[in-house]
Amino acid sequence: MPKQSHPVDDYVLAFATLKPNNADDLYDLVANDVFFTDPFNVVHGKDDFRRIFDHMFETCTDPRFRISDVAHSDKASYLRWQMTGKLKSWPYTNLLFDGMTEVHVNKQGKITKHIDHWDSASQLMRHLPVIGSIIRPILKLFQLKPARKTS
């Protein structure tokens, strides 16, 4: 018996193949009132959703999403991903983020919520000049010290 597709499956494919010349494939799958949030942005509406990805293409060289896992529940779907790319301007940093996206779908099969979860402090800011020198010691405050070996 063939597996029944889920509306989010097309969204996953659009993300995995996202490039400036096929971004409309992604935008066509979202509702007009889509809600998007990530560590830096909170936007409502299809036009602002599009601006998020236009900005990504403007500031990053060859951004890619590799989807490693997808799960569906009654209320949402979850995409586990890795994003790679490189900043086009100073500090020209290579990007490597691991994250998860929570996706909600309406009865028409359109994406109504896209909620990104990833750690911007440890995956991005700690690697940047200047701000990284501030962030690294702060992150260290929360790390466990190595356990002492007892004989």
N, C-alpha and C. Protein backbone atom coordinates (compact mmCIF):
# COMPACT_ATOMS: atom_id res chain seq x y z
N MET A 1 0.85 -1.18 0.00
CA MET A 1 0.00 0.00 0.00
C MET A 1 0.90 1.24 0.00
N PRO A 2 0.70 2.17 -0.93
CA PRO A 2 1.55 3.37 -0.98
C PRO A 2 1.31 4.27 0.23
N LYS A 3 2.40 4.88 0.68
CA LYS A 3 2.33 5.80 1.82
C LYS A 3 1.63 7.09 1.38
N GLN A 4 0.67 7.54 2.19
CA GLN A 4 -0.05 8.77 1.89
C GLN A 4 0.83 9.97 2.20
N SER A 5 0.89 10.92 1.28
CA SER A 5 1.75 12.09 1.51
C SER A 5 1.09 13.06 2.50
N HIS A 6 1.93 13.83 3.13
CA HIS A 6 1.50 14.84 4.09
C HIS A 6 1.75 16.19 3.44
N PRO A 7 0.91 17.21 3.71
CA PRO A 7 1.13 18.53 3.09
C PRO A 7 2.52 19.10 3.36
N VAL A 8 3.12 18.75 4.47
CA VAL A 8 4.45 19.27 4.81
C VAL A 8 5.54 18.62 3.94
N ASP A 9 5.27 17.46 3.36
CA ASP A 9 6.27 16.80 2.53
C ASP A 9 6.73 17.68 1.37
N ASP A 10 5.80 18.39 0.75
CA ASP A 10 6.16 19.31 -0.34
C ASP A 10 7.00 20.48 0.18
N TYR A 11 6.69 20.93 1.38
CA TYR A 11 7.44 22.01 2.02
C TYR A 11 8.88 21.55 2.30
N VAL A 12 9.03 20.33 2.78
CA VAL A 12 10.35 19.77 3.04
C VAL A 12 11.16 19.73 1.75
N LEU A 13 10.56 19.26 0.68
CA LEU A 13 11.25 19.19 -0.61
C LEU A 13 11.63 20.59 -1.10
N ALA A 14 10.74 21.56 -0.93
CA ALA A 14 11.03 22.93 -1.35
C ALA A 14 12.21 23.50 -0.56
N PHE A 15 12.30 23.17 0.72
CA PHE A 15 13.43 23.63 1.53
C PHE A 15 14.73 22.96 1.12
N ALA A 16 14.66 21.67 0.90
CA ALA A 16 15.87 20.91 0.57
C ALA A 16 16.46 21.33 -0.78
N THR A 17 15.64 21.91 -1.64
CA THR A 17 16.10 22.31 -2.97
C THR A 17 16.07 23.82 -3.17
N LEU A 18 15.92 24.58 -2.09
CA LEU A 18 15.73 26.03 -2.16
C LEU A 18 16.93 26.76 -2.76
N LYS A 19 16.65 27.52 -3.81
CA LYS A 19 17.61 28.39 -4.48
C LYS A 19 16.84 29.63 -4.94
N PRO A 20 17.54 30.72 -5.24
CA PRO A 20 16.81 31.93 -5.65
C PRO A 20 15.88 31.71 -6.85
N ASN A 21 16.28 30.84 -7.76
CA ASN A 21 15.47 30.66 -8.97
C ASN A 21 14.26 29.76 -8.77
N ASN A 22 14.14 29.07 -7.62
CA ASN A 22 12.96 28.23 -7.39
C ASN A 22 12.27 28.55 -6.06
N ALA A 23 12.55 29.70 -5.50
CA ALA A 23 11.99 30.07 -4.20
C ALA A 23 10.46 30.18 -4.24
N ASP A 24 9.89 30.45 -5.41
CA ASP A 24 8.43 30.52 -5.51
C ASP A 24 7.79 29.18 -5.14
N ASP A 25 8.50 28.08 -5.34
CA ASP A 25 7.97 26.77 -4.94
C ASP A 25 7.68 26.75 -3.44
N LEU A 26 8.55 27.38 -2.66
CA LEU A 26 8.36 27.46 -1.22
C LEU A 26 7.24 28.44 -0.88
N TYR A 27 7.28 29.62 -1.48
CA TYR A 27 6.30 30.67 -1.16
C TYR A 27 4.87 30.24 -1.52
N ASP A 28 4.72 29.43 -2.56
CA ASP A 28 3.39 28.98 -2.96
C ASP A 28 2.76 28.06 -1.92
N LEU A 29 3.55 27.50 -1.03
CA LEU A 29 3.05 26.53 -0.05
C LEU A 29 2.61 27.17 1.26
N VAL A 30 2.85 28.47 1.43
CA VAL A 30 2.49 29.12 2.70
C VAL A 30 1.20 29.92 2.56
N ALA A 31 0.49 30.02 3.67
CA ALA A 31 -0.75 30.80 3.73
C ALA A 31 -0.41 32.29 3.68
N ASN A 32 -1.37 33.09 3.26
CA ASN A 32 -1.16 34.54 3.18
C ASN A 32 -0.84 35.15 4.53
N ASP A 33 -1.37 34.56 5.60
CA ASP A 33 -1.14 35.09 6.96
C ASP A 33 -0.10 34.28 7.73
N VAL A 34 0.83 33.65 7.03
CA VAL A 34 1.83 32.80 7.66
C VAL A 34 2.59 33.55 8.76
N PHE A 35 2.91 32.85 9.83
CA PHE A 35 3.70 33.37 10.93
C PHE A 35 5.06 32.69 10.87
N PHE A 36 6.13 33.49 10.93
CA PHE A 36 7.50 32.96 10.89
C PHE A 36 8.28 33.56 12.04
N THR A 37 9.06 32.71 12.73
CA THR A 37 9.97 33.22 13.75
C THR A 37 11.24 32.38 13.76
N ASP A 38 12.35 33.06 14.02
CA ASP A 38 13.64 32.42 14.22
C ASP A 38 14.36 33.24 15.29
N PRO A 39 15.62 32.95 15.64
CA PRO A 39 16.27 33.71 16.70
C PRO A 39 16.40 35.22 16.44
N PHE A 40 16.22 35.65 15.19
CA PHE A 40 16.41 37.07 14.87
C PHE A 40 15.17 37.78 14.36
N ASN A 41 14.15 37.05 13.95
CA ASN A 41 13.00 37.65 13.28
C ASN A 41 11.68 37.08 13.79
N VAL A 42 10.68 37.93 13.77
CA VAL A 42 9.30 37.51 13.97
C VAL A 42 8.49 38.29 12.95
N VAL A 43 7.90 37.57 11.99
CA VAL A 43 7.14 38.25 10.94
C VAL A 43 5.80 37.55 10.72
N HIS A 44 4.85 38.32 10.19
CA HIS A 44 3.54 37.80 9.83
C HIS A 44 3.28 38.17 8.38
N GLY A 45 2.74 37.23 7.64
CA GLY A 45 2.33 37.50 6.26
C GLY A 45 3.33 36.97 5.24
N LYS A 46 2.78 36.64 4.10
CA LYS A 46 3.56 36.02 3.02
C LYS A 46 4.65 36.94 2.48
N ASP A 47 4.38 38.24 2.41
CA ASP A 47 5.40 39.16 1.89
C ASP A 47 6.62 39.22 2.79
N ASP A 48 6.41 39.30 4.11
CA ASP A 48 7.54 39.32 5.04
C ASP A 48 8.23 37.97 5.12
N PHE A 49 7.47 36.90 4.98
CA PHE A 49 8.05 35.55 4.91
C PHE A 49 9.04 35.50 3.73
N ARG A 50 8.62 36.02 2.61
CA ARG A 50 9.48 36.04 1.42
C ARG A 50 10.73 36.90 1.67
N ARG A 51 10.57 38.01 2.36
CA ARG A 51 11.70 38.89 2.66
C ARG A 51 12.77 38.18 3.49
N ILE A 52 12.35 37.27 4.38
CA ILE A 52 13.31 36.50 5.18
C ILE A 52 14.27 35.75 4.26
N PHE A 53 13.73 35.06 3.28
CA PHE A 53 14.56 34.25 2.40
C PHE A 53 15.27 35.08 1.34
N ASP A 54 14.66 36.17 0.89
CA ASP A 54 15.37 37.10 0.00
C ASP A 54 16.61 37.64 0.71
N HIS A 55 16.45 37.98 1.98
CA HIS A 55 17.58 38.49 2.77
C HIS A 55 18.67 37.41 2.92
N MET A 56 18.26 36.17 3.15
CA MET A 56 19.23 35.08 3.26
C MET A 56 20.05 34.97 1.97
N PHE A 57 19.39 35.03 0.83
CA PHE A 57 20.11 34.94 -0.45
C PHE A 57 20.99 36.16 -0.71
N GLU A 58 20.57 37.32 -0.21
CA GLU A 58 21.37 38.55 -0.38
C GLU A 58 22.63 38.52 0.48
N THR A 59 22.56 37.91 1.64
CA THR A 59 23.68 37.97 2.59
C THR A 59 24.54 36.71 2.62
N CYS A 60 24.07 35.61 2.05
CA CYS A 60 24.79 34.33 2.11
C CYS A 60 25.12 33.81 0.72
N THR A 61 26.29 33.21 0.62
CA THR A 61 26.68 32.51 -0.59
C THR A 61 26.23 31.05 -0.46
N ASP A 62 25.49 30.58 -1.44
CA ASP A 62 25.10 29.18 -1.54
C ASP A 62 24.49 28.60 -0.26
N PRO A 63 23.47 29.26 0.32
CA PRO A 63 22.83 28.67 1.51
C PRO A 63 22.10 27.38 1.13
N ARG A 64 22.24 26.38 1.97
CA ARG A 64 21.60 25.08 1.73
C ARG A 64 21.01 24.54 3.03
N PHE A 65 19.87 23.87 2.89
CA PHE A 65 19.25 23.17 4.00
C PHE A 65 19.27 21.68 3.69
N ARG A 66 19.86 20.93 4.60
CA ARG A 66 19.83 19.47 4.48
C ARG A 66 18.87 18.96 5.55
N ILE A 67 17.77 18.38 5.12
CA ILE A 67 16.76 17.88 6.03
C ILE A 67 17.12 16.44 6.40
N SER A 68 17.33 16.19 7.69
CA SER A 68 17.74 14.86 8.12
C SER A 68 16.60 14.03 8.70
N ASP A 69 15.53 14.70 9.12
CA ASP A 69 14.43 13.96 9.73
C ASP A 69 13.16 14.79 9.68
N VAL A 70 12.05 14.12 9.54
CA VAL A 70 10.74 14.77 9.53
C VAL A 70 9.79 13.92 10.37
N ALA A 71 9.02 14.57 11.24
CA ALA A 71 8.02 13.87 12.05
C ALA A 71 6.72 14.66 12.02
N HIS A 72 5.61 13.95 12.00
CA HIS A 72 4.29 14.58 11.99
C HIS A 72 3.52 14.14 13.23
N SER A 73 2.84 15.10 13.84
CA SER A 73 1.90 14.77 14.91
C SER A 73 0.54 15.31 14.50
N ASP A 74 -0.43 15.21 15.37
CA ASP A 74 -1.76 15.73 15.06
C ASP A 74 -1.77 17.25 14.97
N LYS A 75 -0.84 17.91 15.69
CA LYS A 75 -0.85 19.37 15.77
C LYS A 75 0.20 20.05 14.92
N ALA A 76 1.31 19.37 14.62
CA ALA A 76 2.41 20.02 13.91
C ALA A 76 3.31 18.99 13.26
N SER A 77 4.23 19.49 12.45
CA SER A 77 5.29 18.66 11.88
C SER A 77 6.61 19.27 12.31
N TYR A 78 7.64 18.44 12.32
CA TYR A 78 8.95 18.88 12.80
C TYR A 78 10.01 18.44 11.81
N LEU A 79 10.83 19.40 11.41
CA LEU A 79 11.90 19.14 10.45
C LEU A 79 13.23 19.34 11.15
N ARG A 80 14.07 18.34 11.13
CA ARG A 80 15.43 18.46 11.67
C ARG A 80 16.31 18.79 10.48
N TRP A 81 17.14 19.84 10.60
CA TRP A 81 17.92 20.29 9.46
C TRP A 81 19.30 20.78 9.84
N GLN A 82 20.11 20.92 8.80
CA GLN A 82 21.42 21.57 8.93
C GLN A 82 21.50 22.59 7.80
N MET A 83 21.86 23.80 8.17
CA MET A 83 22.00 24.87 7.18
C MET A 83 23.48 25.19 7.02
N THR A 84 23.92 25.29 5.78
CA THR A 84 25.30 25.68 5.49
C THR A 84 25.29 26.86 4.52
N GLY A 85 26.38 27.56 4.47
CA GLY A 85 26.56 28.69 3.57
C GLY A 85 27.75 29.50 4.03
N LYS A 86 27.88 30.68 3.49
CA LYS A 86 28.97 31.57 3.88
C LYS A 86 28.47 33.00 3.74
N LEU A 87 28.82 33.85 4.71
CA LEU A 87 28.45 35.26 4.62
C LEU A 87 29.18 35.91 3.44
N LYS A 88 28.46 36.71 2.67
CA LYS A 88 29.03 37.37 1.50
C LYS A 88 29.90 38.56 1.86
N SER A 89 29.72 39.11 3.05
CA SER A 89 30.49 40.29 3.45
C SER A 89 31.19 40.00 4.78
N TRP A 90 31.98 40.98 5.24
CA TRP A 90 32.73 40.80 6.46
C TRP A 90 31.81 40.34 7.57
N PRO A 91 32.13 39.33 8.31
CA PRO A 91 33.42 38.68 8.45
C PRO A 91 33.61 37.44 7.57
N TYR A 92 32.80 37.29 6.53
CA TYR A 92 32.94 36.18 5.57
C TYR A 92 32.95 34.81 6.26
N THR A 93 32.19 34.69 7.30
CA THR A 93 32.15 33.48 8.12
C THR A 93 31.42 32.35 7.41
N ASN A 94 31.99 31.14 7.51
CA ASN A 94 31.26 29.95 7.07
C ASN A 94 30.15 29.68 8.06
N LEU A 95 29.02 29.27 7.55
CA LEU A 95 27.85 29.01 8.39
C LEU A 95 27.59 27.52 8.48
N LEU A 96 27.29 27.05 9.67
CA LEU A 96 26.90 25.66 9.90
C LEU A 96 25.99 25.66 11.11
N PHE A 97 24.69 25.56 10.87
CA PHE A 97 23.70 25.58 11.94
C PHE A 97 22.93 24.28 11.92
N ASP A 98 22.73 23.70 13.09
CA ASP A 98 21.81 22.58 13.26
C ASP A 98 20.57 23.12 13.94
N GLY A 99 19.42 22.76 13.41
CA GLY A 99 18.19 23.28 14.00
C GLY A 99 16.99 22.40 13.72
N MET A 100 15.87 22.88 14.18
CA MET A 100 14.61 22.20 14.02
C MET A 100 13.54 23.24 13.72
N THR A 101 12.64 22.90 12.83
CA THR A 101 11.54 23.79 12.50
C THR A 101 10.21 23.12 12.83
N GLU A 102 9.39 23.85 13.53
CA GLU A 102 8.01 23.41 13.82
C GLU A 102 7.12 24.03 12.77
N VAL A 103 6.32 23.21 12.10
CA VAL A 103 5.48 23.68 11.00
C VAL A 103 4.03 23.31 11.29
N HIS A 104 3.13 24.29 11.10
CA HIS A 104 1.69 24.06 11.26
C HIS A 104 1.02 24.26 9.91
N VAL A 105 -0.02 23.48 9.67
CA VAL A 105 -0.72 23.48 8.38
C VAL A 105 -2.21 23.72 8.61
N ASN A 106 -2.83 24.52 7.72
CA ASN A 106 -4.28 24.72 7.83
C ASN A 106 -5.03 23.64 7.05
N LYS A 107 -6.35 23.70 7.06
CA LYS A 107 -7.18 22.69 6.40
C LYS A 107 -6.99 22.68 4.89
N GLN A 108 -6.52 23.78 4.34
CA GLN A 108 -6.27 23.87 2.90
C GLN A 108 -4.89 23.32 2.53
N GLY A 109 -4.12 22.88 3.52
CA GLY A 109 -2.80 22.33 3.26
C GLY A 109 -1.71 23.37 3.15
N LYS A 110 -2.00 24.62 3.52
CA LYS A 110 -1.01 25.70 3.46
C LYS A 110 -0.31 25.83 4.82
N ILE A 111 0.95 26.20 4.79
CA ILE A 111 1.73 26.39 6.00
C ILE A 111 1.29 27.68 6.67
N THR A 112 0.90 27.59 7.95
CA THR A 112 0.44 28.77 8.70
C THR A 112 1.47 29.24 9.72
N LYS A 113 2.34 28.33 10.15
CA LYS A 113 3.40 28.69 11.11
C LYS A 113 4.69 27.97 10.73
N HIS A 114 5.77 28.73 10.81
CA HIS A 114 7.12 28.19 10.61
C HIS A 114 7.94 28.75 11.77
N ILE A 115 8.25 27.89 12.72
CA ILE A 115 8.93 28.32 13.94
C ILE A 115 10.29 27.62 14.00
N ASP A 116 11.36 28.40 13.79
CA ASP A 116 12.71 27.84 13.80
C ASP A 116 13.28 27.84 15.21
N HIS A 117 13.91 26.72 15.55
CA HIS A 117 14.59 26.57 16.83
C HIS A 117 16.05 26.22 16.54
N TRP A 118 16.95 27.14 16.86
CA TRP A 118 18.38 26.87 16.77
C TRP A 118 19.10 27.87 17.65
N ASP A 119 20.28 27.48 18.10
CA ASP A 119 21.03 28.26 19.08
C ASP A 119 21.95 29.25 18.38
N SER A 120 21.55 30.49 18.31
CA SER A 120 22.35 31.51 17.61
C SER A 120 23.61 31.89 18.39
N ALA A 121 23.59 31.76 19.71
CA ALA A 121 24.78 32.13 20.51
C ALA A 121 25.93 31.17 20.26
N SER A 122 25.67 29.87 20.38
CA SER A 122 26.77 28.91 20.24
C SER A 122 27.07 28.54 18.79
N GLN A 123 26.10 28.70 17.90
CA GLN A 123 26.32 28.28 16.52
C GLN A 123 26.72 29.42 15.59
N LEU A 124 26.51 30.65 16.01
CA LEU A 124 26.85 31.78 15.14
C LEU A 124 27.69 32.81 15.87
N MET A 125 27.12 33.43 16.88
CA MET A 125 27.77 34.60 17.49
C MET A 125 29.12 34.30 18.12
N ARG A 126 29.30 33.11 18.68
CA ARG A 126 30.59 32.80 19.31
C ARG A 126 31.71 32.75 18.30
N HIS A 127 31.38 32.58 17.00
CA HIS A 127 32.39 32.48 15.95
C HIS A 127 32.70 33.82 15.28
N LEU A 128 31.97 34.85 15.64
CA LEU A 128 32.17 36.16 15.02
C LEU A 128 33.24 36.95 15.76
N PRO A 129 34.00 37.75 15.01
CA PRO A 129 34.97 38.62 15.69
C PRO A 129 34.22 39.62 16.59
N VAL A 130 34.86 40.13 17.54
CA VAL A 130 34.37 41.11 18.51
C VAL A 130 33.28 40.52 19.40
N ILE A 131 32.08 40.32 18.89
CA ILE A 131 31.00 39.81 19.74
C ILE A 131 31.33 38.41 20.25
N GLY A 132 32.06 37.62 19.47
CA GLY A 132 32.46 36.28 19.90
C GLY A 132 33.32 36.32 21.15
N SER A 133 34.18 37.34 21.26
CA SER A 133 35.03 37.46 22.45
C SER A 133 34.21 37.76 23.70
N ILE A 134 33.02 38.27 23.53
CA ILE A 134 32.11 38.52 24.66
C ILE A 134 31.25 37.28 24.93
N ILE A 135 30.77 36.65 23.88
CA ILE A 135 29.85 35.51 24.00
C ILE A 135 30.56 34.27 24.55
N ARG A 136 31.78 33.97 24.08
CA ARG A 136 32.48 32.75 24.51
C ARG A 136 32.62 32.64 26.03
N PRO A 137 33.07 33.69 26.74
CA PRO A 137 33.16 33.57 28.20
C PRO A 137 31.79 33.40 28.87
N ILE A 138 30.78 34.01 28.31
CA ILE A 138 29.43 33.86 28.88
C ILE A 138 28.97 32.41 28.73
N LEU A 139 29.16 31.84 27.54
CA LEU A 139 28.77 30.44 27.33
C LEU A 139 29.54 29.50 28.26
N LYS A 140 30.81 29.82 28.53
CA LYS A 140 31.63 28.99 29.41
C LYS A 140 31.07 28.95 30.83
N LEU A 141 30.41 30.03 31.26
CA LEU A 141 29.82 30.06 32.59
C LEU A 141 28.81 28.94 32.80
N PHE A 142 28.18 28.50 31.72
CA PHE A 142 27.12 27.51 31.81
C PHE A 142 27.59 26.09 31.52
N GLN A 143 28.89 25.93 31.20
CA GLN A 143 29.42 24.60 30.91
C GLN A 143 29.82 23.89 32.21
N LEU A 144 29.58 22.60 32.24
CA LEU A 144 30.05 21.79 33.35
C LEU A 144 31.56 21.73 33.33
N LYS A 145 32.14 21.76 34.49
CA LYS A 145 33.58 21.56 34.60
C LYS A 145 33.84 20.05 34.47
N PRO A 146 34.99 19.66 33.94
CA PRO A 146 35.28 18.22 33.84
C PRO A 146 35.23 17.57 35.22
N ALA A 147 34.68 16.38 35.26
CA ALA A 147 34.58 15.64 36.52
C ALA A 147 35.97 15.24 37.00
N ARG A 148 36.15 15.34 38.30
CA ARG A 148 37.42 14.91 38.89
C ARG A 148 37.45 13.40 38.96
N LYS A 149 38.57 12.87 38.61
CA LYS A 149 38.73 11.41 38.70
C LYS A 149 39.13 11.07 40.13
N THR A 150 38.45 10.10 40.68
CA THR A 150 38.79 9.63 42.02
C THR A 150 39.40 8.24 41.90
N SER A 151 40.36 7.99 42.72
CA SER A 151 41.05 6.69 42.67
C SER A 151 40.41 5.69 43.57
